[in-house]
Amino acid sequence: MRTSEITNSKKVIDSRDVIARIEYLQAEKDQAQEDQGDEWNEQLYNDTDEGAELKALLALQEEASASLDWRYGEALIHDDYFEDYARELADDCGMVDRNAKWPNTHIVPNFVW
């Protein structure tokens, strides 16, 4: 199964897509290693686009491994889209009172107490 490249320009990335892409890239790497046998060069592979992508996705997976939902579908939300995502999610869940006034209608990203 061919998967699409995971990039940080997407608004939302599902962790299951990351997992699928890692599995795909790992299988491609394993096949290339088997095909090349003794001539396999790990460093040359790591310098390819696929090698760099696999390395980055494995690092992302390692960083996110503390999430209990990683294998079941954790949403990775781009910073630039977070406020819109939070508003849409709250609206979809019926948590938005259309008659509410500020501050009940205001979501502040990256707010620190």
C-alpha atoms as a PDB file:
ATOM      1  CA  MET A   1       0.000   0.000   0.000  1.00  0.00           C
ATOM      2  CA  ARG A   2       1.463   3.351  -1.042  1.00  0.00           C
ATOM      3  CA  THR A   3       1.128   6.157   1.482  1.00  0.00           C
ATOM      4  CA  SER A   4       1.537   9.890   1.076  1.00  0.00           C
ATOM      5  CA  GLU A   5       4.432  11.850   2.500  1.00  0.00           C
ATOM      6  CA  ILE A   6       3.835  13.371   5.920  1.00  0.00           C
ATOM      7  CA  THR A   7       4.742  17.063   6.023  1.00  0.00           C
ATOM      8  CA  ASN A   8       4.443  19.756   8.636  1.00  0.00           C
ATOM      9  CA  SER A   9       2.518  21.940   6.188  1.00  0.00           C
ATOM     10  CA  LYS A  10      -0.682  19.949   6.757  1.00  0.00           C
ATOM     11  CA  LYS A  11      -3.252  21.446   9.117  1.00  0.00           C
ATOM     12  CA  VAL A  12      -4.007  18.146  10.864  1.00  0.00           C
ATOM     13  CA  ILE A  13      -2.047  14.885  10.816  1.00  0.00           C
ATOM     14  CA  ASP A  14      -3.489  11.670  12.209  1.00  0.00           C
ATOM     15  CA  SER A  15      -0.945   9.558  14.085  1.00  0.00           C
ATOM     16  CA  ARG A  16      -2.228   6.460  12.291  1.00  0.00           C
ATOM     17  CA  ASP A  17      -1.085   8.036   9.013  1.00  0.00           C
ATOM     18  CA  VAL A  18       2.360   8.552  10.537  1.00  0.00           C
ATOM     19  CA  ILE A  19       2.455   4.916  11.666  1.00  0.00           C
ATOM     20  CA  ALA A  20       1.376   3.684   8.225  1.00  0.00           C
ATOM     21  CA  ARG A  21       3.994   5.861   6.522  1.00  0.00           C
ATOM     22  CA  ILE A  22       6.731   4.562   8.847  1.00  0.00           C
ATOM     23  CA  GLU A  23       5.722   0.982   8.082  1.00  0.00           C
ATOM     24  CA  TYR A  24       5.722   1.696   4.346  1.00  0.00           C
ATOM     25  CA  LEU A  25       9.117   3.435   4.379  1.00  0.00           C
ATOM     26  CA  GLN A  26      10.613   0.734   6.602  1.00  0.00           C
ATOM     27  CA  ALA A  27       9.410  -1.983   4.215  1.00  0.00           C
ATOM     28  CA  GLU A  28      10.880  -0.060   1.261  1.00  0.00           C
ATOM     29  CA  LYS A  29      14.171   0.294   3.134  1.00  0.00           C
ATOM     30  CA  ASP A  30      14.226  -3.392   4.046  1.00  0.00           C
ATOM     31  CA  GLN A  31      13.579  -4.345   0.414  1.00  0.00           C
ATOM     32  CA  ALA A  32      16.344  -2.054  -0.846  1.00  0.00           C
ATOM     33  CA  GLN A  33      18.725  -3.480   1.734  1.00  0.00           C
ATOM     34  CA  GLU A  34      17.847  -7.030   0.697  1.00  0.00           C
ATOM     35  CA  ASP A  35      18.243  -6.188  -3.003  1.00  0.00           C
ATOM     36  CA  GLN A  36      21.642  -4.559  -2.509  1.00  0.00           C
ATOM     37  CA  GLY A  37      22.978  -7.178  -0.100  1.00  0.00           C
ATOM     38  CA  ASP A  38      26.637  -6.597   0.770  1.00  0.00           C
ATOM     39  CA  GLU A  39      26.631  -3.333  -1.172  1.00  0.00           C
ATOM     40  CA  TRP A  40      24.012  -1.777   1.125  1.00  0.00           C
ATOM     41  CA  ASN A  41      25.150   1.556   2.504  1.00  0.00           C
ATOM     42  CA  GLU A  42      23.065   2.835   5.408  1.00  0.00           C
ATOM     43  CA  GLN A  43      24.553   6.317   5.226  1.00  0.00           C
ATOM     44  CA  LEU A  44      23.733   6.680   1.518  1.00  0.00           C
ATOM     45  CA  TYR A  45      20.164   5.591   2.255  1.00  0.00           C
ATOM     46  CA  ASN A  46      19.882   8.079   5.120  1.00  0.00           C
ATOM     47  CA  ASP A  47      20.898  10.861   2.704  1.00  0.00           C
ATOM     48  CA  THR A  48      17.917  10.133   0.423  1.00  0.00           C
ATOM     49  CA  ASP A  49      14.574  11.916   0.810  1.00  0.00           C
ATOM     50  CA  GLU A  50      12.968   8.671   1.983  1.00  0.00           C
ATOM     51  CA  GLY A  51      15.745   8.002   4.489  1.00  0.00           C
ATOM     52  CA  ALA A  52      15.487  11.497   5.937  1.00  0.00           C
ATOM     53  CA  GLU A  53      11.694  11.245   6.115  1.00  0.00           C
ATOM     54  CA  LEU A  54      11.863   7.870   7.883  1.00  0.00           C
ATOM     55  CA  LYS A  55      14.366   9.226  10.393  1.00  0.00           C
ATOM     56  CA  ALA A  56      12.190  12.290  11.108  1.00  0.00           C
ATOM     57  CA  LEU A  57       9.000  10.226  11.466  1.00  0.00           C
ATOM     58  CA  LEU A  58      10.698   7.764  13.815  1.00  0.00           C
ATOM     59  CA  ALA A  59      11.860  10.708  15.955  1.00  0.00           C
ATOM     60  CA  LEU A  60       8.315  12.113  15.961  1.00  0.00           C
ATOM     61  CA  GLN A  61       6.912   8.731  16.978  1.00  0.00           C
ATOM     62  CA  GLU A  62       9.479   8.433  19.765  1.00  0.00           C
ATOM     63  CA  GLU A  63       8.603  11.904  21.057  1.00  0.00           C
ATOM     64  CA  ALA A  64       4.872  11.128  20.942  1.00  0.00           C
ATOM     65  CA  SER A  65       5.199   7.661  22.460  1.00  0.00           C
ATOM     66  CA  ALA A  66       3.980   8.948  25.841  1.00  0.00           C
ATOM     67  CA  SER A  67       0.536   9.545  24.327  1.00  0.00           C
ATOM     68  CA  LEU A  68      -1.798   6.669  25.123  1.00  0.00           C
ATOM     69  CA  ASP A  69      -3.785   7.395  21.953  1.00  0.00           C
ATOM     70  CA  TRP A  70      -0.852   7.413  19.509  1.00  0.00           C
ATOM     71  CA  ARG A  71      -1.680   3.988  18.032  1.00  0.00           C
ATOM     72  CA  TYR A  72      -5.412   4.718  17.960  1.00  0.00           C
ATOM     73  CA  GLY A  73      -5.441   8.119  16.295  1.00  0.00           C
ATOM     74  CA  GLU A  74      -3.885  11.131  17.977  1.00  0.00           C
ATOM     75  CA  ALA A  75      -4.423  14.409  16.120  1.00  0.00           C
ATOM     76  CA  LEU A  76      -1.358  16.557  15.505  1.00  0.00           C
ATOM     77  CA  ILE A  77      -2.569  20.128  14.964  1.00  0.00           C
ATOM     78  CA  HIS A  78      -0.406  22.719  13.214  1.00  0.00           C
ATOM     79  CA  ASP A  79       0.189  25.845  15.343  1.00  0.00           C
ATOM     80  CA  ASP A  80      -1.265  28.120  12.670  1.00  0.00           C
ATOM     81  CA  TYR A  81      -4.502  26.119  12.597  1.00  0.00           C
ATOM     82  CA  PHE A  82      -4.945  25.362  16.305  1.00  0.00           C
ATOM     83  CA  GLU A  83      -7.367  28.179  17.143  1.00  0.00           C
ATOM     84  CA  ASP A  84      -9.645  27.355  14.184  1.00  0.00           C
ATOM     85  CA  TYR A  85      -9.434  23.644  15.013  1.00  0.00           C
ATOM     86  CA  ALA A  86     -10.404  24.260  18.645  1.00  0.00           C
ATOM     87  CA  ARG A  87     -13.349  26.435  17.605  1.00  0.00           C
ATOM     88  CA  GLU A  88     -14.580  23.852  15.077  1.00  0.00           C
ATOM     89  CA  LEU A  89     -14.181  21.006  17.561  1.00  0.00           C
ATOM     90  CA  ALA A  90     -16.087  22.882  20.268  1.00  0.00           C
ATOM     91  CA  ASP A  91     -18.840  23.709  17.774  1.00  0.00           C
ATOM     92  CA  ASP A  92     -19.011  20.101  16.498  1.00  0.00           C
ATOM     93  CA  CYS A  93     -19.318  18.814  20.071  1.00  0.00           C
ATOM     94  CA  GLY A  94     -22.192  21.196  20.833  1.00  0.00           C
ATOM     95  CA  MET A  95     -20.147  23.128  23.354  1.00  0.00           C
ATOM     96  CA  VAL A  96     -20.742  26.527  21.788  1.00  0.00           C
ATOM     97  CA  ASP A  97     -23.520  28.716  23.109  1.00  0.00           C
ATOM     98  CA  ARG A  98     -24.336  30.968  20.172  1.00  0.00           C
ATOM     99  CA  ASN A  99     -25.739  33.575  22.606  1.00  0.00           C
ATOM    100  CA  ALA A 100     -22.558  33.720  24.687  1.00  0.00           C
ATOM    101  CA  LYS A 101     -20.526  36.895  24.836  1.00  0.00           C
ATOM    102  CA  TRP A 102     -16.822  37.466  25.218  1.00  0.00           C
ATOM    103  CA  PRO A 103     -14.791  35.903  26.928  1.00  0.00           C
ATOM    104  CA  ASN A 104     -16.857  32.730  26.478  1.00  0.00           C
ATOM    105  CA  THR A 105     -16.366  32.879  22.716  1.00  0.00           C
ATOM    106  CA  HIS A 106     -12.634  33.542  22.774  1.00  0.00           C
ATOM    107  CA  ILE A 107      -9.952  30.856  22.555  1.00  0.00           C
ATOM    108  CA  VAL A 108      -6.389  32.049  23.090  1.00  0.00           C
ATOM    109  CA  PRO A 109      -3.660  29.750  21.745  1.00  0.00           C
ATOM    110  CA  ASN A 110      -0.391  29.476  23.682  1.00  0.00           C
ATOM    111  CA  PHE A 111      -1.832  31.304  26.685  1.00  0.00           C
ATOM    112  CA  VAL A 112       0.255  30.851  29.853  1.00  0.00           C
ATOM    113  CA  TRP A 113      -1.046  31.656  33.332  1.00  0.00           C
END
